[in-house]
Amino acid sequence: MSAAGTYTPKPGAAPLPRMIAAQAVLETKMLLRNGEQLLLTVIIPTLLLVLFSAVDIVDTGKGEAVDFLAPGILALAVMSTAFTGQAIATGFERRYGVLKRLGASPLPRWALMTAKTLSVLVTEVLQVVLVTVIAFALGWSPHGNPFAVLLLLVLGTAAFSGLGLLMAGTLKAEATLAAANLVFLLLLMGGGVIVPLDKFPDAAQTLLGLLPISALSDGLRDVLQHGAGMPWGDLAVLAVWAVLGLGAAAKFFRWE
């Protein structure tokens, strides 16, 4: 017989890193199993890349169309996951009381948001790999500094995550669903993803250039298509959106 106390339960929360990792894995599985989210985050960007690269619908300037489109599609992939997908999923979790119940668990609220952020990053890595492979198959020839690309993607993720959480934490779930999809479509058309910003009137170009999707797609395009150095202007725009979005989300997010 085993010594007394060998199988005595040891109640208490698991170590915080383990809880965050477990929640991040759960969030990622839920995201990848959701057909609608998968359509938005993976299938639509890849279809747009293939369609507009193969069919001469939009004048993308000199060179191969895929060289212009691939950076914009990468930016769209970040927006679809960090903003649209996260806003919709978090909004309905808030409506159904999931966030309230998780907030009462040993997992701190900031750790829950950290797990959600890790889930977004994992999904984005899968998206970037998929888009890159397809773009190479279509004849893409990227250039530039990989560190600049990574910095743009990280700041873009932070900016869109803040805006997505702000929307999910302040609006009703149905309003979040409608608003997030509407914003996705508007930024897809007017954010320099498919249609170059120089196709718009001069006054509109200035305003559109200040949007996070425009800064991200333009910065990625400068580096990957034109081989530019660090796109400080676009990085600054993304940094401002990240600070404002995350700050507002932290202040106004309602868990119930």
C-alpha atoms as a PDB file:
ATOM      1  CA  MET A   1       0.000   0.000   0.000  1.00  0.00           C
ATOM      2  CA  SER A   2       1.267   3.444  -0.834  1.00  0.00           C
ATOM      3  CA  ALA A   3       2.286   5.799   1.905  1.00  0.00           C
ATOM      4  CA  ALA A   4      -0.403   8.007   3.326  1.00  0.00           C
ATOM      5  CA  GLY A   5      -0.773  11.259   1.467  1.00  0.00           C
ATOM      6  CA  THR A   6       0.666  10.046  -1.837  1.00  0.00           C
ATOM      7  CA  TYR A   7      -2.607  10.647  -3.667  1.00  0.00           C
ATOM      8  CA  THR A   8      -3.776  13.580  -1.597  1.00  0.00           C
ATOM      9  CA  PRO A   9      -5.306  16.198  -3.941  1.00  0.00           C
ATOM     10  CA  LYS A  10      -3.456  19.486  -4.178  1.00  0.00           C
ATOM     11  CA  PRO A  11      -6.090  22.109  -4.945  1.00  0.00           C
ATOM     12  CA  GLY A  12      -5.084  25.375  -6.569  1.00  0.00           C
ATOM     13  CA  ALA A  13      -4.682  27.048  -9.926  1.00  0.00           C
ATOM     14  CA  ALA A  14      -2.155  25.827 -12.458  1.00  0.00           C
ATOM     15  CA  PRO A  15       0.884  28.026 -13.131  1.00  0.00           C
ATOM     16  CA  LEU A  16      -0.100  31.148 -15.058  1.00  0.00           C
ATOM     17  CA  PRO A  17       2.005  30.398 -18.198  1.00  0.00           C
ATOM     18  CA  ARG A  18       0.358  26.968 -18.440  1.00  0.00           C
ATOM     19  CA  MET A  19      -3.123  28.489 -18.141  1.00  0.00           C
ATOM     20  CA  ILE A  20      -2.365  31.070 -20.837  1.00  0.00           C
ATOM     21  CA  ALA A  21      -0.926  28.403 -23.148  1.00  0.00           C
ATOM     22  CA  ALA A  22      -3.933  26.108 -22.640  1.00  0.00           C
ATOM     23  CA  GLN A  23      -6.386  28.936 -23.303  1.00  0.00           C
ATOM     24  CA  ALA A  24      -4.436  30.022 -26.398  1.00  0.00           C
ATOM     25  CA  VAL A  25      -4.576  26.478 -27.791  1.00  0.00           C
ATOM     26  CA  LEU A  26      -8.321  26.347 -27.122  1.00  0.00           C
ATOM     27  CA  GLU A  27      -8.901  29.739 -28.767  1.00  0.00           C
ATOM     28  CA  THR A  28      -6.903  28.669 -31.844  1.00  0.00           C
ATOM     29  CA  LYS A  29      -8.812  25.378 -32.194  1.00  0.00           C
ATOM     30  CA  MET A  30     -12.142  27.181 -31.895  1.00  0.00           C
ATOM     31  CA  LEU A  31     -11.095  29.686 -34.551  1.00  0.00           C
ATOM     32  CA  LEU A  32      -9.905  27.056 -37.009  1.00  0.00           C
ATOM     33  CA  ARG A  33     -13.038  24.931 -36.502  1.00  0.00           C
ATOM     34  CA  ASN A  34     -15.372  27.851 -37.231  1.00  0.00           C
ATOM     35  CA  GLY A  35     -16.309  27.617 -40.904  1.00  0.00           C
ATOM     36  CA  GLU A  36     -17.417  31.242 -41.233  1.00  0.00           C
ATOM     37  CA  GLN A  37     -14.265  32.531 -39.574  1.00  0.00           C
ATOM     38  CA  LEU A  38     -12.120  30.257 -41.712  1.00  0.00           C
ATOM     39  CA  LEU A  39     -13.818  31.616 -44.819  1.00  0.00           C
ATOM     40  CA  LEU A  40     -13.111  35.182 -43.749  1.00  0.00           C
ATOM     41  CA  THR A  41      -9.560  34.734 -42.550  1.00  0.00           C
ATOM     42  CA  VAL A  42      -8.128  32.195 -44.984  1.00  0.00           C
ATOM     43  CA  ILE A  43     -10.245  31.462 -48.035  1.00  0.00           C
ATOM     44  CA  ILE A  44     -11.277  35.001 -49.065  1.00  0.00           C
ATOM     45  CA  PRO A  45      -7.724  36.480 -49.011  1.00  0.00           C
ATOM     46  CA  THR A  46      -6.280  33.570 -50.992  1.00  0.00           C
ATOM     47  CA  LEU A  47      -9.107  33.668 -53.546  1.00  0.00           C
ATOM     48  CA  LEU A  48      -8.618  37.403 -54.024  1.00  0.00           C
ATOM     49  CA  LEU A  49      -4.894  36.885 -54.548  1.00  0.00           C
ATOM     50  CA  VAL A  50      -5.420  34.189 -57.174  1.00  0.00           C
ATOM     51  CA  LEU A  51      -8.301  35.977 -58.939  1.00  0.00           C
ATOM     52  CA  PHE A  52      -6.737  39.415 -59.272  1.00  0.00           C
ATOM     53  CA  SER A  53      -3.332  37.962 -60.150  1.00  0.00           C
ATOM     54  CA  ALA A  54      -4.784  35.829 -62.946  1.00  0.00           C
ATOM     55  CA  VAL A  55      -7.373  38.269 -64.335  1.00  0.00           C
ATOM     56  CA  ASP A  56      -6.447  41.799 -65.406  1.00  0.00           C
ATOM     57  CA  ILE A  57      -9.302  43.603 -63.662  1.00  0.00           C
ATOM     58  CA  VAL A  58      -7.447  46.368 -61.827  1.00  0.00           C
ATOM     59  CA  ASP A  59      -4.499  48.380 -63.140  1.00  0.00           C
ATOM     60  CA  THR A  60      -1.759  47.657 -60.603  1.00  0.00           C
ATOM     61  CA  GLY A  61       0.954  49.564 -62.453  1.00  0.00           C
ATOM     62  CA  LYS A  62       4.184  48.288 -63.925  1.00  0.00           C
ATOM     63  CA  GLY A  63       5.431  44.778 -63.247  1.00  0.00           C
ATOM     64  CA  GLU A  64       3.585  41.616 -62.352  1.00  0.00           C
ATOM     65  CA  ALA A  65       0.195  42.043 -60.683  1.00  0.00           C
ATOM     66  CA  VAL A  66       1.131  39.556 -57.949  1.00  0.00           C
ATOM     67  CA  ASP A  67       4.040  41.780 -56.853  1.00  0.00           C
ATOM     68  CA  PHE A  68       1.532  44.536 -56.066  1.00  0.00           C
ATOM     69  CA  LEU A  69      -1.206  42.282 -54.717  1.00  0.00           C
ATOM     70  CA  ALA A  70       0.719  39.946 -52.390  1.00  0.00           C
ATOM     71  CA  PRO A  71       1.686  42.632 -49.820  1.00  0.00           C
ATOM     72  CA  GLY A  72      -1.879  43.950 -49.788  1.00  0.00           C
ATOM     73  CA  ILE A  73      -3.303  40.463 -49.301  1.00  0.00           C
ATOM     74  CA  LEU A  74      -0.901  39.926 -46.382  1.00  0.00           C
ATOM     75  CA  ALA A  75      -2.263  43.121 -44.843  1.00  0.00           C
ATOM     76  CA  LEU A  76      -5.816  41.929 -45.496  1.00  0.00           C
ATOM     77  CA  ALA A  77      -5.050  38.612 -43.786  1.00  0.00           C
ATOM     78  CA  VAL A  78      -3.871  40.454 -40.682  1.00  0.00           C
ATOM     79  CA  MET A  79      -6.976  42.642 -40.651  1.00  0.00           C
ATOM     80  CA  SER A  80      -9.349  39.722 -41.181  1.00  0.00           C
ATOM     81  CA  THR A  81      -7.946  37.828 -38.185  1.00  0.00           C
ATOM     82  CA  ALA A  82      -6.894  40.527 -35.727  1.00  0.00           C
ATOM     83  CA  PHE A  83      -9.854  42.837 -36.352  1.00  0.00           C
ATOM     84  CA  THR A  84     -12.864  41.259 -38.056  1.00  0.00           C
ATOM     85  CA  GLY A  85     -12.576  37.686 -36.792  1.00  0.00           C
ATOM     86  CA  GLN A  86     -11.568  38.650 -33.266  1.00  0.00           C
ATOM     87  CA  ALA A  87     -14.254  41.336 -32.968  1.00  0.00           C
ATOM     88  CA  ILE A  88     -17.053  38.971 -34.036  1.00  0.00           C
ATOM     89  CA  ALA A  89     -15.901  36.025 -31.918  1.00  0.00           C
ATOM     90  CA  THR A  90     -15.288  38.134 -28.796  1.00  0.00           C
ATOM     91  CA  GLY A  91     -18.552  40.014 -29.251  1.00  0.00           C
ATOM     92  CA  PHE A  92     -20.610  36.806 -29.192  1.00  0.00           C
ATOM     93  CA  GLU A  93     -18.565  35.380 -26.313  1.00  0.00           C
ATOM     94  CA  ARG A  94     -19.454  38.514 -24.390  1.00  0.00           C
ATOM     95  CA  ARG A  95     -23.144  38.211 -25.310  1.00  0.00           C
ATOM     96  CA  TYR A  96     -23.438  34.572 -24.224  1.00  0.00           C
ATOM     97  CA  GLY A  97     -21.646  35.187 -20.930  1.00  0.00           C
ATOM     98  CA  VAL A  98     -18.503  33.255 -21.829  1.00  0.00           C
ATOM     99  CA  LEU A  99     -16.226  36.162 -20.971  1.00  0.00           C
ATOM    100  CA  LYS A 100     -18.054  36.729 -17.678  1.00  0.00           C
ATOM    101  CA  ARG A 101     -17.534  33.089 -16.673  1.00  0.00           C
ATOM    102  CA  LEU A 102     -13.902  33.088 -17.764  1.00  0.00           C
ATOM    103  CA  GLY A 103     -13.394  36.319 -15.854  1.00  0.00           C
ATOM    104  CA  ALA A 104     -14.462  34.498 -12.681  1.00  0.00           C
ATOM    105  CA  SER A 105     -11.961  31.688 -13.257  1.00  0.00           C
ATOM    106  CA  PRO A 106      -8.395  31.630 -11.888  1.00  0.00           C
ATOM    107  CA  LEU A 107      -7.260  32.963 -15.289  1.00  0.00           C
ATOM    108  CA  PRO A 108      -6.867  36.752 -14.931  1.00  0.00           C
ATOM    109  CA  ARG A 109      -8.638  38.909 -17.480  1.00  0.00           C
ATOM    110  CA  TRP A 110      -5.393  40.292 -18.857  1.00  0.00           C
ATOM    111  CA  ALA A 111      -4.153  36.716 -19.290  1.00  0.00           C
ATOM    112  CA  LEU A 112      -7.321  35.844 -21.221  1.00  0.00           C
ATOM    113  CA  MET A 113      -6.640  38.735 -23.594  1.00  0.00           C
ATOM    114  CA  THR A 114      -3.032  37.568 -23.866  1.00  0.00           C
ATOM    115  CA  ALA A 115      -4.241  34.086 -24.846  1.00  0.00           C
ATOM    116  CA  LYS A 116      -6.548  35.602 -27.466  1.00  0.00           C
ATOM    117  CA  THR A 117      -3.632  37.618 -28.832  1.00  0.00           C
ATOM    118  CA  LEU A 118      -1.446  34.496 -29.042  1.00  0.00           C
ATOM    119  CA  SER A 119      -4.257  32.724 -30.884  1.00  0.00           C
ATOM    120  CA  VAL A 120      -4.419  35.595 -33.374  1.00  0.00           C
ATOM    121  CA  LEU A 121      -0.655  35.440 -33.906  1.00  0.00           C
ATOM    122  CA  VAL A 122      -0.704  31.668 -34.500  1.00  0.00           C
ATOM    123  CA  THR A 123      -3.510  32.049 -37.042  1.00  0.00           C
ATOM    124  CA  GLU A 124      -1.666  34.875 -38.754  1.00  0.00           C
ATOM    125  CA  VAL A 125       1.471  32.763 -39.080  1.00  0.00           C
ATOM    126  CA  LEU A 126      -0.588  30.108 -40.871  1.00  0.00           C
ATOM    127  CA  GLN A 127      -2.136  32.774 -43.100  1.00  0.00           C
ATOM    128  CA  VAL A 128       1.201  34.341 -43.982  1.00  0.00           C
ATOM    129  CA  VAL A 129       2.685  30.962 -44.861  1.00  0.00           C
ATOM    130  CA  LEU A 130      -0.304  30.066 -47.050  1.00  0.00           C
ATOM    131  CA  VAL A 131      -0.418  33.427 -48.852  1.00  0.00           C
ATOM    132  CA  THR A 132       3.359  33.367 -49.369  1.00  0.00           C
ATOM    133  CA  VAL A 133       3.319  29.868 -50.861  1.00  0.00           C
ATOM    134  CA  ILE A 134       0.473  30.761 -53.245  1.00  0.00           C
ATOM    135  CA  ALA A 135       2.129  34.057 -54.196  1.00  0.00           C
ATOM    136  CA  PHE A 136       5.402  32.276 -55.004  1.00  0.00           C
ATOM    137  CA  ALA A 137       3.462  29.811 -57.156  1.00  0.00           C
ATOM    138  CA  LEU A 138       1.995  32.793 -59.034  1.00  0.00           C
ATOM    139  CA  GLY A 139       5.459  34.233 -59.696  1.00  0.00           C
ATOM    140  CA  TRP A 140       5.945  36.621 -56.784  1.00  0.00           C
ATOM    141  CA  SER A 141       9.451  38.099 -56.406  1.00  0.00           C
ATOM    142  CA  PRO A 142       9.677  39.791 -52.978  1.00  0.00           C
ATOM    143  CA  HIS A 143      12.551  42.032 -51.883  1.00  0.00           C
ATOM    144  CA  GLY A 144      13.478  44.060 -48.825  1.00  0.00           C
ATOM    145  CA  ASN A 145      14.298  43.657 -45.165  1.00  0.00           C
ATOM    146  CA  PRO A 146      12.506  40.768 -43.367  1.00  0.00           C
ATOM    147  CA  PHE A 147      12.780  42.629 -40.045  1.00  0.00           C
ATOM    148  CA  ALA A 148      10.860  45.581 -41.487  1.00  0.00           C
ATOM    149  CA  VAL A 149       8.151  43.179 -42.686  1.00  0.00           C
ATOM    150  CA  LEU A 150       7.941  41.545 -39.253  1.00  0.00           C
ATOM    151  CA  LEU A 151       7.706  44.922 -37.509  1.00  0.00           C
ATOM    152  CA  LEU A 152       4.922  46.041 -39.840  1.00  0.00           C
ATOM    153  CA  LEU A 153       2.966  42.832 -39.238  1.00  0.00           C
ATOM    154  CA  VAL A 154       3.348  43.067 -35.443  1.00  0.00           C
ATOM    155  CA  LEU A 155       2.286  46.717 -35.279  1.00  0.00           C
ATOM    156  CA  GLY A 156      -0.552  46.033 -37.709  1.00  0.00           C
ATOM    157  CA  THR A 157      -1.737  43.169 -35.516  1.00  0.00           C
ATOM    158  CA  ALA A 158      -1.626  45.386 -32.420  1.00  0.00           C
ATOM    159  CA  ALA A 159      -3.555  48.159 -34.167  1.00  0.00           C
ATOM    160  CA  PHE A 160      -6.291  45.909 -35.522  1.00  0.00           C
ATOM    161  CA  SER A 161      -6.538  43.898 -32.295  1.00  0.00           C
ATOM    162  CA  GLY A 162      -7.149  47.059 -30.308  1.00  0.00           C
ATOM    163  CA  LEU A 163      -9.859  48.218 -32.696  1.00  0.00           C
ATOM    164  CA  GLY A 164     -11.463  44.776 -32.790  1.00  0.00           C
ATOM    165  CA  LEU A 165     -11.560  44.432 -28.999  1.00  0.00           C
ATOM    166  CA  LEU A 166     -12.869  47.991 -28.662  1.00  0.00           C
ATOM    167  CA  MET A 167     -15.754  47.184 -31.009  1.00  0.00           C
ATOM    168  CA  ALA A 168     -16.487  43.822 -29.358  1.00  0.00           C
ATOM    169  CA  GLY A 169     -16.394  45.297 -25.862  1.00  0.00           C
ATOM    170  CA  THR A 170     -18.694  48.260 -26.488  1.00  0.00           C
ATOM    171  CA  LEU A 171     -21.276  47.186 -29.088  1.00  0.00           C
ATOM    172  CA  LYS A 172     -23.906  44.456 -29.006  1.00  0.00           C
ATOM    173  CA  ALA A 173     -22.925  41.213 -30.716  1.00  0.00           C
ATOM    174  CA  GLU A 174     -25.259  41.718 -33.675  1.00  0.00           C
ATOM    175  CA  ALA A 175     -24.014  45.274 -34.169  1.00  0.00           C
ATOM    176  CA  THR A 176     -20.422  44.053 -33.950  1.00  0.00           C
ATOM    177  CA  LEU A 177     -21.112  41.404 -36.592  1.00  0.00           C
ATOM    178  CA  ALA A 178     -22.600  43.938 -38.997  1.00  0.00           C
ATOM    179  CA  ALA A 179     -20.075  46.694 -38.307  1.00  0.00           C
ATOM    180  CA  ALA A 180     -17.004  44.441 -38.492  1.00  0.00           C
ATOM    181  CA  ASN A 181     -18.047  42.975 -41.847  1.00  0.00           C
ATOM    182  CA  LEU A 182     -18.936  46.418 -43.212  1.00  0.00           C
ATOM    183  CA  VAL A 183     -15.592  47.864 -42.150  1.00  0.00           C
ATOM    184  CA  PHE A 184     -13.832  44.844 -43.674  1.00  0.00           C
ATOM    185  CA  LEU A 185     -15.479  45.461 -47.054  1.00  0.00           C
ATOM    186  CA  LEU A 186     -14.886  49.223 -46.988  1.00  0.00           C
ATOM    187  CA  LEU A 187     -11.210  48.853 -46.087  1.00  0.00           C
ATOM    188  CA  LEU A 188     -10.796  46.097 -48.664  1.00  0.00           C
ATOM    189  CA  MET A 189     -11.930  48.500 -51.400  1.00  0.00           C
ATOM    190  CA  GLY A 190     -10.441  51.733 -50.080  1.00  0.00           C
ATOM    191  CA  GLY A 191      -7.346  50.644 -48.185  1.00  0.00           C
ATOM    192  CA  GLY A 192      -4.924  50.068 -51.042  1.00  0.00           C
ATOM    193  CA  VAL A 193      -5.266  46.283 -50.849  1.00  0.00           C
ATOM    194  CA  ILE A 194      -6.595  45.666 -54.355  1.00  0.00           C
ATOM    195  CA  VAL A 195      -6.995  49.155 -55.825  1.00  0.00           C
ATOM    196  CA  PRO A 196      -3.891  51.420 -55.640  1.00  0.00           C
ATOM    197  CA  LEU A 197      -4.447  54.567 -53.601  1.00  0.00           C
ATOM    198  CA  ASP A 198      -3.257  56.738 -56.499  1.00  0.00           C
ATOM    199  CA  LYS A 199      -6.467  55.773 -58.337  1.00  0.00           C
ATOM    200  CA  PHE A 200      -8.448  57.873 -55.835  1.00  0.00           C
ATOM    201  CA  PRO A 201      -8.766  61.695 -55.843  1.00  0.00           C
ATOM    202  CA  ASP A 202      -5.895  63.577 -54.179  1.00  0.00           C
ATOM    203  CA  ALA A 203      -7.958  64.633 -51.149  1.00  0.00           C
ATOM    204  CA  ALA A 204      -9.167  61.070 -50.615  1.00  0.00           C
ATOM    205  CA  GLN A 205      -5.631  59.693 -50.928  1.00  0.00           C
ATOM    206  CA  THR A 206      -4.474  61.786 -47.955  1.00  0.00           C
ATOM    207  CA  LEU A 207      -7.284  60.578 -45.711  1.00  0.00           C
ATOM    208  CA  LEU A 208      -7.148  56.952 -46.869  1.00  0.00           C
ATOM    209  CA  GLY A 209      -3.389  56.892 -46.321  1.00  0.00           C
ATOM    210  CA  LEU A 210      -3.963  57.443 -42.600  1.00  0.00           C
ATOM    211  CA  LEU A 211      -6.005  54.252 -42.214  1.00  0.00           C
ATOM    212  CA  PRO A 212      -4.230  51.292 -40.562  1.00  0.00           C
ATOM    213  CA  ILE A 213      -4.902  48.979 -43.512  1.00  0.00           C
ATOM    214  CA  SER A 214      -3.436  51.564 -45.917  1.00  0.00           C
ATOM    215  CA  ALA A 215      -0.348  52.037 -43.774  1.00  0.00           C
ATOM    216  CA  LEU A 216       0.156  48.288 -43.457  1.00  0.00           C
ATOM    217  CA  SER A 217      -0.378  47.453 -47.135  1.00  0.00           C
ATOM    218  CA  ASP A 218       1.639  50.467 -48.308  1.00  0.00           C
ATOM    219  CA  GLY A 219       4.498  49.703 -45.928  1.00  0.00           C
ATOM    220  CA  LEU A 220       4.610  46.032 -46.923  1.00  0.00           C
ATOM    221  CA  ARG A 221       4.486  47.016 -50.589  1.00  0.00           C
ATOM    222  CA  ASP A 222       7.329  49.523 -50.218  1.00  0.00           C
ATOM    223  CA  VAL A 223       9.525  46.873 -48.647  1.00  0.00           C
ATOM    224  CA  LEU A 224       8.517  43.723 -50.536  1.00  0.00           C
ATOM    225  CA  GLN A 225       7.882  45.208 -53.978  1.00  0.00           C
ATOM    226  CA  HIS A 226      10.263  48.155 -54.109  1.00  0.00           C
ATOM    227  CA  GLY A 227      12.972  46.951 -51.718  1.00  0.00           C
ATOM    228  CA  ALA A 228      12.708  50.061 -49.526  1.00  0.00           C
ATOM    229  CA  GLY A 229      14.299  50.317 -46.109  1.00  0.00           C
ATOM    230  CA  MET A 230      12.377  50.857 -42.896  1.00  0.00           C
ATOM    231  CA  PRO A 231       9.031  52.549 -43.763  1.00  0.00           C
ATOM    232  CA  TRP A 232       9.028  54.884 -40.784  1.00  0.00           C
ATOM    233  CA  GLY A 233       5.961  56.869 -41.846  1.00  0.00           C
ATOM    234  CA  ASP A 234       3.752  53.793 -42.149  1.00  0.00           C
ATOM    235  CA  LEU A 235       5.159  52.365 -38.920  1.00  0.00           C
ATOM    236  CA  ALA A 236       4.303  55.620 -37.142  1.00  0.00           C
ATOM    237  CA  VAL A 237       0.701  55.498 -38.390  1.00  0.00           C
ATOM    238  CA  LEU A 238       0.333  51.908 -37.208  1.00  0.00           C
ATOM    239  CA  ALA A 239       1.917  52.711 -33.843  1.00  0.00           C
ATOM    240  CA  VAL A 240      -0.559  55.561 -33.261  1.00  0.00           C
ATOM    241  CA  TRP A 241      -3.518  53.317 -34.144  1.00  0.00           C
ATOM    242  CA  ALA A 242      -2.137  50.576 -31.872  1.00  0.00           C
ATOM    243  CA  VAL A 243      -1.770  52.909 -28.886  1.00  0.00           C
ATOM    244  CA  LEU A 244      -5.183  54.512 -29.401  1.00  0.00           C
ATOM    245  CA  GLY A 245      -6.984  51.237 -30.107  1.00  0.00           C
ATOM    246  CA  LEU A 246      -5.494  49.189 -27.289  1.00  0.00           C
ATOM    247  CA  GLY A 247      -5.789  52.096 -24.853  1.00  0.00           C
ATOM    248  CA  ALA A 248      -9.458  52.666 -25.687  1.00  0.00           C
ATOM    249  CA  ALA A 249     -10.186  48.921 -25.533  1.00  0.00           C
ATOM    250  CA  ALA A 250      -8.581  48.656 -22.100  1.00  0.00           C
ATOM    251  CA  LYS A 251     -10.620  51.605 -20.823  1.00  0.00           C
ATOM    252  CA  PHE A 252     -14.047  50.970 -22.340  1.00  0.00           C
ATOM    253  CA  PHE A 253     -14.226  47.173 -22.735  1.00  0.00           C
ATOM    254  CA  ARG A 254     -17.294  45.783 -20.919  1.00  0.00           C
ATOM    255  CA  TRP A 255     -17.162  42.114 -19.888  1.00  0.00           C
ATOM    256  CA  GLU A 256     -20.917  41.735 -19.558  1.00  0.00           C
END
